[in-house]
Amino acid sequence: MSDTPTDLSVTRFIAASPATVWEVMTRRQEEWWCPLPWRTTIDVQERRPGGRCEMTMRGPDGEVEPQVGIYLAYDEGRRFVTTDALDGDFRPSGPFMVGIWEIAPEGQGTRYTATARHWTEDAARQHAEMGFAEGWGVCADQLAALCEAAS
């Protein structure tokens, strides 16, 4: 977890090369993005700063959770940053967070870190109470398993 009260984060060591982790992170996102039995469908990804980032999460009981936002940064092979503060037409959309997914070489593998930055401490606390650590932790574990199987 972060020392900044508005940030929440998870990190994992993944026993796979950064190239493999990046490939799985970005090209197989539907396979790891949300905890099973939930599923994600990528609707639009314009992988560049200002590009649309839209997906739909579906739960086992028919729940539908659209995620609409934009990329703030897209640094190939290193990190991508999104926000739900703006939609694809740069209209305010009721911000909840800025998400940062990044990787770095570490020994014979890769350090993966996912961070949610919130506008307020209350929003971060709400996200933590919603199960941030557990949910994003499961996603990190799912990503690690896919990457390690691909190595």
N, C-alpha and C. Protein backbone atom coordinates (compact mmCIF):
# COMPACT_ATOMS: atom_id res chain seq x y z
N MET A 1 0.83 -1.19 0.00
CA MET A 1 0.00 0.00 0.00
C MET A 1 0.88 1.25 0.00
N SER A 2 0.28 2.33 -0.41
CA SER A 2 1.00 3.59 -0.52
C SER A 2 1.01 4.34 0.80
N ASP A 3 2.01 5.21 0.97
CA ASP A 3 2.06 6.09 2.13
C ASP A 3 1.22 7.35 1.91
N THR A 4 0.77 7.58 0.70
CA THR A 4 -0.06 8.74 0.39
C THR A 4 -1.51 8.36 0.67
N PRO A 5 -2.22 9.13 1.52
CA PRO A 5 -3.57 8.71 1.94
C PRO A 5 -4.62 8.66 0.83
N THR A 6 -4.35 9.26 -0.32
CA THR A 6 -5.30 9.20 -1.42
C THR A 6 -4.96 8.10 -2.42
N ASP A 7 -3.87 7.38 -2.19
CA ASP A 7 -3.42 6.32 -3.10
C ASP A 7 -3.61 4.95 -2.47
N LEU A 8 -4.02 4.00 -3.30
CA LEU A 8 -4.06 2.59 -2.93
C LEU A 8 -3.26 1.85 -3.99
N SER A 9 -2.50 0.85 -3.60
CA SER A 9 -1.73 0.12 -4.61
C SER A 9 -1.51 -1.33 -4.21
N VAL A 10 -1.26 -2.12 -5.23
CA VAL A 10 -0.85 -3.52 -5.06
C VAL A 10 0.38 -3.72 -5.92
N THR A 11 1.23 -4.63 -5.50
CA THR A 11 2.42 -4.94 -6.27
C THR A 11 2.67 -6.44 -6.21
N ARG A 12 3.27 -6.96 -7.27
CA ARG A 12 3.61 -8.37 -7.34
C ARG A 12 4.92 -8.52 -8.10
N PHE A 13 5.71 -9.50 -7.66
CA PHE A 13 6.83 -9.95 -8.48
C PHE A 13 6.27 -11.00 -9.41
N ILE A 14 6.56 -10.88 -10.70
CA ILE A 14 6.10 -11.84 -11.69
C ILE A 14 7.33 -12.49 -12.31
N ALA A 15 7.38 -13.81 -12.25
CA ALA A 15 8.52 -14.56 -12.77
C ALA A 15 8.39 -14.71 -14.28
N ALA A 16 8.48 -13.59 -14.97
CA ALA A 16 8.43 -13.53 -16.43
C ALA A 16 9.11 -12.23 -16.84
N SER A 17 9.56 -12.20 -18.08
CA SER A 17 10.26 -11.01 -18.57
C SER A 17 9.31 -9.83 -18.67
N PRO A 18 9.84 -8.61 -18.60
CA PRO A 18 8.98 -7.44 -18.81
C PRO A 18 8.25 -7.48 -20.15
N ALA A 19 8.90 -7.98 -21.20
CA ALA A 19 8.23 -8.06 -22.51
C ALA A 19 7.00 -8.97 -22.44
N THR A 20 7.13 -10.09 -21.76
CA THR A 20 5.99 -11.01 -21.62
C THR A 20 4.90 -10.37 -20.79
N VAL A 21 5.27 -9.76 -19.67
CA VAL A 21 4.27 -9.14 -18.80
C VAL A 21 3.54 -8.03 -19.56
N TRP A 22 4.27 -7.20 -20.28
CA TRP A 22 3.63 -6.13 -21.03
C TRP A 22 2.67 -6.69 -22.08
N GLU A 23 3.10 -7.70 -22.77
CA GLU A 23 2.25 -8.32 -23.80
C GLU A 23 0.94 -8.83 -23.19
N VAL A 24 1.04 -9.54 -22.08
CA VAL A 24 -0.17 -10.06 -21.43
C VAL A 24 -1.01 -8.92 -20.85
N MET A 25 -0.35 -7.95 -20.21
CA MET A 25 -1.08 -6.82 -19.63
C MET A 25 -1.94 -6.10 -20.65
N THR A 26 -1.40 -5.90 -21.85
CA THR A 26 -2.06 -5.04 -22.82
C THR A 26 -2.83 -5.80 -23.89
N ARG A 27 -2.40 -7.00 -24.23
CA ARG A 27 -3.06 -7.74 -25.32
C ARG A 27 -4.03 -8.80 -24.83
N ARG A 28 -3.92 -9.15 -23.55
CA ARG A 28 -4.81 -10.18 -22.98
C ARG A 28 -5.53 -9.63 -21.75
N GLN A 29 -5.81 -8.36 -21.78
CA GLN A 29 -6.40 -7.66 -20.64
C GLN A 29 -7.72 -8.27 -20.20
N GLU A 30 -8.52 -8.74 -21.13
CA GLU A 30 -9.82 -9.31 -20.77
C GLU A 30 -9.68 -10.55 -19.88
N GLU A 31 -8.51 -11.18 -19.91
CA GLU A 31 -8.30 -12.41 -19.15
C GLU A 31 -7.93 -12.18 -17.69
N TRP A 32 -7.50 -10.98 -17.34
CA TRP A 32 -7.03 -10.76 -15.98
C TRP A 32 -7.62 -9.52 -15.30
N TRP A 33 -8.33 -8.68 -16.02
CA TRP A 33 -8.70 -7.35 -15.55
C TRP A 33 -9.62 -7.33 -14.34
N CYS A 34 -10.48 -8.32 -14.18
CA CYS A 34 -11.36 -8.34 -13.01
C CYS A 34 -11.39 -9.74 -12.41
N PRO A 35 -11.66 -9.83 -11.11
CA PRO A 35 -11.65 -11.14 -10.45
C PRO A 35 -12.73 -12.07 -11.01
N LEU A 36 -12.32 -13.29 -11.30
CA LEU A 36 -13.30 -14.29 -11.72
C LEU A 36 -14.29 -14.53 -10.59
N PRO A 37 -15.54 -14.76 -10.83
CA PRO A 37 -16.15 -15.14 -12.11
C PRO A 37 -16.59 -13.94 -12.96
N TRP A 38 -16.25 -12.72 -12.57
CA TRP A 38 -16.54 -11.57 -13.40
C TRP A 38 -15.74 -11.66 -14.70
N ARG A 39 -16.23 -11.03 -15.73
CA ARG A 39 -15.57 -11.00 -17.04
C ARG A 39 -15.50 -9.57 -17.53
N THR A 40 -14.50 -9.29 -18.35
CA THR A 40 -14.34 -7.96 -18.94
C THR A 40 -14.37 -8.08 -20.45
N THR A 41 -15.05 -7.14 -21.08
CA THR A 41 -15.04 -7.01 -22.53
C THR A 41 -14.42 -5.65 -22.85
N ILE A 42 -13.40 -5.64 -23.67
CA ILE A 42 -12.79 -4.39 -24.10
C ILE A 42 -13.67 -3.82 -25.21
N ASP A 43 -14.16 -2.63 -25.00
CA ASP A 43 -15.02 -1.99 -26.00
C ASP A 43 -14.21 -1.10 -26.94
N VAL A 44 -13.38 -0.24 -26.38
CA VAL A 44 -12.53 0.66 -27.18
C VAL A 44 -11.23 0.88 -26.42
N GLN A 45 -10.11 0.76 -27.11
CA GLN A 45 -8.83 1.15 -26.54
C GLN A 45 -8.02 1.88 -27.60
N GLU A 46 -7.85 3.16 -27.37
CA GLU A 46 -7.01 3.99 -28.23
C GLU A 46 -5.75 4.28 -27.41
N ARG A 47 -4.78 3.43 -27.52
CA ARG A 47 -3.60 3.43 -26.64
C ARG A 47 -2.65 4.58 -26.96
N ARG A 48 -3.05 5.76 -26.46
CA ARG A 48 -2.26 6.99 -26.59
C ARG A 48 -2.82 7.99 -25.60
N PRO A 49 -2.04 8.98 -25.19
CA PRO A 49 -2.58 10.01 -24.30
C PRO A 49 -3.79 10.68 -24.95
N GLY A 50 -4.87 10.77 -24.21
CA GLY A 50 -6.11 11.35 -24.71
C GLY A 50 -7.01 10.36 -25.42
N GLY A 51 -6.52 9.15 -25.66
CA GLY A 51 -7.32 8.13 -26.34
C GLY A 51 -8.37 7.53 -25.42
N ARG A 52 -9.44 7.05 -26.02
CA ARG A 52 -10.53 6.44 -25.27
C ARG A 52 -10.09 5.11 -24.68
N CYS A 53 -10.59 4.85 -23.48
CA CYS A 53 -10.35 3.59 -22.76
C CYS A 53 -11.70 3.17 -22.19
N GLU A 54 -12.36 2.23 -22.87
CA GLU A 54 -13.70 1.84 -22.47
C GLU A 54 -13.81 0.32 -22.43
N MET A 55 -14.40 -0.18 -21.36
CA MET A 55 -14.62 -1.61 -21.23
C MET A 55 -15.88 -1.82 -20.41
N THR A 56 -16.36 -3.06 -20.43
CA THR A 56 -17.54 -3.42 -19.66
C THR A 56 -17.22 -4.65 -18.83
N MET A 57 -17.48 -4.55 -17.53
CA MET A 57 -17.32 -5.69 -16.63
C MET A 57 -18.69 -6.30 -16.41
N ARG A 58 -18.74 -7.65 -16.45
CA ARG A 58 -20.00 -8.36 -16.28
C ARG A 58 -19.87 -9.38 -15.16
N GLY A 59 -20.86 -9.35 -14.27
CA GLY A 59 -20.84 -10.25 -13.14
C GLY A 59 -21.63 -11.52 -13.40
N PRO A 60 -21.45 -12.50 -12.53
CA PRO A 60 -22.09 -13.81 -12.71
C PRO A 60 -23.61 -13.78 -12.56
N ASP A 61 -24.14 -12.73 -11.95
CA ASP A 61 -25.59 -12.62 -11.76
C ASP A 61 -26.21 -11.58 -12.67
N GLY A 62 -25.54 -11.29 -13.79
CA GLY A 62 -26.07 -10.34 -14.76
C GLY A 62 -25.68 -8.89 -14.52
N GLU A 63 -24.83 -8.64 -13.53
CA GLU A 63 -24.38 -7.26 -13.28
C GLU A 63 -23.61 -6.75 -14.49
N VAL A 64 -23.78 -5.47 -14.79
CA VAL A 64 -23.06 -4.82 -15.89
C VAL A 64 -22.48 -3.53 -15.35
N GLU A 65 -21.15 -3.40 -15.43
CA GLU A 65 -20.44 -2.22 -14.92
C GLU A 65 -19.57 -1.64 -16.04
N PRO A 66 -20.07 -0.64 -16.76
CA PRO A 66 -19.23 -0.02 -17.78
C PRO A 66 -18.15 0.84 -17.14
N GLN A 67 -17.00 0.87 -17.75
CA GLN A 67 -15.90 1.75 -17.35
C GLN A 67 -15.56 2.61 -18.56
N VAL A 68 -15.74 3.92 -18.41
CA VAL A 68 -15.51 4.84 -19.51
C VAL A 68 -14.49 5.87 -19.05
N GLY A 69 -13.44 6.05 -19.85
CA GLY A 69 -12.43 7.03 -19.50
C GLY A 69 -11.48 7.27 -20.65
N ILE A 70 -10.34 7.84 -20.29
CA ILE A 70 -9.31 8.11 -21.29
C ILE A 70 -7.94 7.72 -20.73
N TYR A 71 -7.01 7.52 -21.66
CA TYR A 71 -5.61 7.34 -21.28
C TYR A 71 -5.00 8.71 -21.03
N LEU A 72 -4.31 8.83 -19.93
CA LEU A 72 -3.53 10.04 -19.66
C LEU A 72 -2.10 9.86 -20.15
N ALA A 73 -1.62 8.63 -20.08
CA ALA A 73 -0.27 8.29 -20.55
C ALA A 73 -0.29 6.87 -21.06
N TYR A 74 0.56 6.62 -22.04
CA TYR A 74 0.74 5.26 -22.55
C TYR A 74 2.19 5.16 -22.98
N ASP A 75 2.99 4.59 -22.11
CA ASP A 75 4.43 4.46 -22.34
C ASP A 75 4.71 3.00 -22.64
N GLU A 76 4.81 2.68 -23.92
CA GLU A 76 4.95 1.31 -24.39
C GLU A 76 6.02 0.55 -23.60
N GLY A 77 5.65 -0.60 -23.11
CA GLY A 77 6.59 -1.46 -22.39
C GLY A 77 6.83 -1.08 -20.96
N ARG A 78 6.17 -0.01 -20.46
CA ARG A 78 6.46 0.47 -19.11
C ARG A 78 5.24 0.73 -18.26
N ARG A 79 4.29 1.53 -18.79
CA ARG A 79 3.11 1.86 -17.99
C ARG A 79 2.00 2.44 -18.85
N PHE A 80 0.79 2.32 -18.31
CA PHE A 80 -0.32 3.09 -18.86
C PHE A 80 -1.11 3.67 -17.70
N VAL A 81 -1.70 4.84 -17.97
CA VAL A 81 -2.41 5.60 -16.95
C VAL A 81 -3.76 5.98 -17.53
N THR A 82 -4.82 5.71 -16.77
CA THR A 82 -6.17 6.05 -17.22
C THR A 82 -6.89 6.86 -16.14
N THR A 83 -7.96 7.52 -16.55
CA THR A 83 -8.84 8.19 -15.58
C THR A 83 -10.27 8.08 -16.07
N ASP A 84 -11.17 8.05 -15.11
CA ASP A 84 -12.60 8.11 -15.43
C ASP A 84 -13.13 9.52 -15.21
N ALA A 85 -12.24 10.49 -15.01
CA ALA A 85 -12.66 11.88 -14.80
C ALA A 85 -13.22 12.49 -16.08
N LEU A 86 -12.79 11.97 -17.23
CA LEU A 86 -13.25 12.46 -18.52
C LEU A 86 -13.63 11.26 -19.38
N ASP A 87 -14.63 11.47 -20.24
CA ASP A 87 -14.96 10.41 -21.18
C ASP A 87 -14.18 10.63 -22.47
N GLY A 88 -14.46 9.81 -23.48
CA GLY A 88 -13.72 9.88 -24.74
C GLY A 88 -13.89 11.16 -25.51
N ASP A 89 -14.92 11.95 -25.16
CA ASP A 89 -15.13 13.25 -25.78
C ASP A 89 -14.66 14.38 -24.87
N PHE A 90 -13.88 14.04 -23.84
CA PHE A 90 -13.34 14.99 -22.87
C PHE A 90 -14.43 15.73 -22.09
N ARG A 91 -15.53 15.02 -21.86
CA ARG A 91 -16.59 15.56 -21.02
C ARG A 91 -16.39 15.03 -19.60
N PRO A 92 -16.56 15.87 -18.59
CA PRO A 92 -16.45 15.38 -17.22
C PRO A 92 -17.44 14.25 -16.99
N SER A 93 -16.98 13.22 -16.28
CA SER A 93 -17.84 12.05 -16.11
C SER A 93 -17.90 11.57 -14.66
N GLY A 94 -17.73 12.47 -13.73
CA GLY A 94 -17.84 12.08 -12.32
C GLY A 94 -16.65 11.26 -11.86
N PRO A 95 -15.50 11.87 -11.65
CA PRO A 95 -14.27 11.13 -11.41
C PRO A 95 -14.28 10.31 -10.13
N PHE A 96 -13.67 9.15 -10.23
CA PHE A 96 -13.46 8.32 -9.06
C PHE A 96 -11.96 8.17 -8.80
N MET A 97 -11.18 8.01 -9.89
CA MET A 97 -9.75 7.78 -9.67
C MET A 97 -8.94 7.97 -10.95
N VAL A 98 -7.64 7.98 -10.76
CA VAL A 98 -6.64 7.82 -11.81
C VAL A 98 -5.99 6.47 -11.53
N GLY A 99 -5.93 5.62 -12.55
CA GLY A 99 -5.31 4.31 -12.40
C GLY A 99 -3.98 4.27 -13.11
N ILE A 100 -2.99 3.70 -12.44
CA ILE A 100 -1.65 3.59 -13.01
C ILE A 100 -1.22 2.12 -12.93
N TRP A 101 -0.90 1.55 -14.08
CA TRP A 101 -0.42 0.17 -14.15
C TRP A 101 0.97 0.23 -14.75
N GLU A 102 1.96 -0.25 -13.97
CA GLU A 102 3.33 -0.11 -14.44
C GLU A 102 4.14 -1.36 -14.13
N ILE A 103 5.18 -1.54 -14.94
CA ILE A 103 6.09 -2.67 -14.75
C ILE A 103 7.52 -2.17 -14.81
N ALA A 104 8.41 -2.93 -14.16
CA ALA A 104 9.84 -2.62 -14.19
C ALA A 104 10.61 -3.92 -14.05
N PRO A 105 11.75 -4.03 -14.73
CA PRO A 105 12.57 -5.22 -14.57
C PRO A 105 13.00 -5.38 -13.11
N GLU A 106 13.03 -6.61 -12.65
CA GLU A 106 13.51 -6.90 -11.30
C GLU A 106 14.13 -8.29 -11.30
N GLY A 107 15.44 -8.35 -11.14
CA GLY A 107 16.12 -9.64 -11.15
C GLY A 107 15.82 -10.39 -12.43
N GLN A 108 15.36 -11.64 -12.28
CA GLN A 108 15.01 -12.47 -13.43
C GLN A 108 13.54 -12.34 -13.83
N GLY A 109 12.87 -11.32 -13.33
CA GLY A 109 11.45 -11.17 -13.62
C GLY A 109 11.04 -9.72 -13.73
N THR A 110 9.85 -9.44 -13.27
CA THR A 110 9.25 -8.12 -13.45
C THR A 110 8.48 -7.73 -12.20
N ARG A 111 8.60 -6.48 -11.80
CA ARG A 111 7.80 -5.92 -10.71
C ARG A 111 6.59 -5.23 -11.33
N TYR A 112 5.41 -5.69 -10.98
CA TYR A 112 4.14 -5.12 -11.43
C TYR A 112 3.56 -4.31 -10.28
N THR A 113 3.12 -3.09 -10.56
CA THR A 113 2.48 -2.25 -9.56
C THR A 113 1.26 -1.59 -10.18
N ALA A 114 0.13 -1.70 -9.48
CA ALA A 114 -1.10 -1.03 -9.91
C ALA A 114 -1.52 -0.09 -8.79
N THR A 115 -1.78 1.16 -9.16
CA THR A 115 -2.11 2.19 -8.18
C THR A 115 -3.39 2.90 -8.58
N ALA A 116 -4.24 3.13 -7.59
CA ALA A 116 -5.45 3.93 -7.77
C ALA A 116 -5.26 5.22 -6.98
N ARG A 117 -5.25 6.34 -7.68
CA ARG A 117 -5.12 7.65 -7.03
C ARG A 117 -6.50 8.31 -7.02
N HIS A 118 -6.91 8.72 -5.84
CA HIS A 118 -8.24 9.30 -5.65
C HIS A 118 -8.15 10.78 -5.37
N TRP A 119 -9.23 11.49 -5.62
CA TRP A 119 -9.25 12.93 -5.41
C TRP A 119 -9.25 13.28 -3.92
N THR A 120 -9.84 12.41 -3.10
CA THR A 120 -9.94 12.70 -1.67
C THR A 120 -9.60 11.46 -0.85
N GLU A 121 -9.27 11.69 0.41
CA GLU A 121 -9.03 10.57 1.32
C GLU A 121 -10.30 9.76 1.51
N ASP A 122 -11.44 10.44 1.53
CA ASP A 122 -12.71 9.71 1.68
C ASP A 122 -12.95 8.77 0.51
N ALA A 123 -12.66 9.20 -0.70
CA ALA A 123 -12.83 8.33 -1.87
C ALA A 123 -11.89 7.14 -1.79
N ALA A 124 -10.66 7.37 -1.35
CA ALA A 124 -9.71 6.26 -1.20
C ALA A 124 -10.20 5.29 -0.12
N ARG A 125 -10.69 5.81 0.97
CA ARG A 125 -11.21 4.96 2.05
C ARG A 125 -12.41 4.14 1.55
N GLN A 126 -13.29 4.79 0.78
CA GLN A 126 -14.44 4.09 0.21
C GLN A 126 -13.98 2.95 -0.69
N HIS A 127 -12.98 3.21 -1.54
CA HIS A 127 -12.46 2.19 -2.45
C HIS A 127 -11.83 1.05 -1.65
N ALA A 128 -11.10 1.38 -0.60
CA ALA A 128 -10.51 0.34 0.26
C ALA A 128 -11.61 -0.52 0.88
N GLU A 129 -12.67 0.11 1.36
CA GLU A 129 -13.77 -0.62 1.99
C GLU A 129 -14.55 -1.46 0.99
N MET A 130 -14.52 -1.06 -0.29
CA MET A 130 -15.16 -1.85 -1.35
C MET A 130 -14.38 -3.12 -1.64
N GLY A 131 -13.17 -3.23 -1.11
CA GLY A 131 -12.36 -4.43 -1.33
C GLY A 131 -11.23 -4.24 -2.31
N PHE A 132 -10.70 -3.01 -2.37
CA PHE A 132 -9.60 -2.73 -3.30
C PHE A 132 -8.48 -3.76 -3.21
N ALA A 133 -7.92 -3.96 -2.02
CA ALA A 133 -6.75 -4.83 -1.86
C ALA A 133 -7.06 -6.24 -2.35
N GLU A 134 -8.21 -6.75 -1.97
CA GLU A 134 -8.58 -8.10 -2.38
C GLU A 134 -8.82 -8.18 -3.89
N GLY A 135 -9.62 -7.26 -4.41
CA GLY A 135 -9.97 -7.30 -5.83
C GLY A 135 -8.78 -7.07 -6.75
N TRP A 136 -8.05 -5.99 -6.49
CA TRP A 136 -6.89 -5.70 -7.34
C TRP A 136 -5.78 -6.72 -7.10
N GLY A 137 -5.73 -7.27 -5.89
CA GLY A 137 -4.77 -8.33 -5.60
C GLY A 137 -5.06 -9.58 -6.42
N VAL A 138 -6.33 -9.96 -6.52
CA VAL A 138 -6.71 -11.11 -7.34
C VAL A 138 -6.35 -10.85 -8.79
N CYS A 139 -6.61 -9.66 -9.28
CA CYS A 139 -6.25 -9.32 -10.66
C CYS A 139 -4.75 -9.44 -10.87
N ALA A 140 -3.96 -8.97 -9.93
CA ALA A 140 -2.50 -9.09 -10.02
C ALA A 140 -2.10 -10.57 -10.05
N ASP A 141 -2.74 -11.38 -9.23
CA ASP A 141 -2.44 -12.82 -9.22
C ASP A 141 -2.81 -13.47 -10.54
N GLN A 142 -3.97 -13.08 -11.09
CA GLN A 142 -4.40 -13.63 -12.38
C GLN A 142 -3.42 -13.23 -13.48
N LEU A 143 -2.97 -11.97 -13.46
CA LEU A 143 -1.99 -11.51 -14.43
C LEU A 143 -0.70 -12.30 -14.29
N ALA A 144 -0.21 -12.47 -13.07
CA ALA A 144 1.03 -13.21 -12.83
C ALA A 144 0.92 -14.64 -13.35
N ALA A 145 -0.20 -15.30 -13.09
CA ALA A 145 -0.36 -16.68 -13.54
C ALA A 145 -0.33 -16.77 -15.08
N LEU A 146 -1.00 -15.85 -15.75
CA LEU A 146 -0.98 -15.84 -17.21
C LEU A 146 0.43 -15.60 -17.74
N CYS A 147 1.14 -14.64 -17.15
CA CYS A 147 2.49 -14.31 -17.61
C CYS A 147 3.45 -15.46 -17.38
N GLU A 148 3.38 -16.06 -16.21
CA GLU A 148 4.30 -17.16 -15.89
C GLU A 148 4.01 -18.39 -16.74
N ALA A 149 2.75 -18.61 -17.10
CA ALA A 149 2.41 -19.73 -17.99
C ALA A 149 2.89 -19.47 -19.41
N ALA A 150 2.97 -18.18 -19.78
CA ALA A 150 3.39 -17.81 -21.13
C ALA A 150 4.91 -17.83 -21.29
N SER A 151 5.63 -17.83 -20.19
CA SER A 151 7.11 -17.78 -20.25
C SER A 151 7.72 -19.09 -20.68
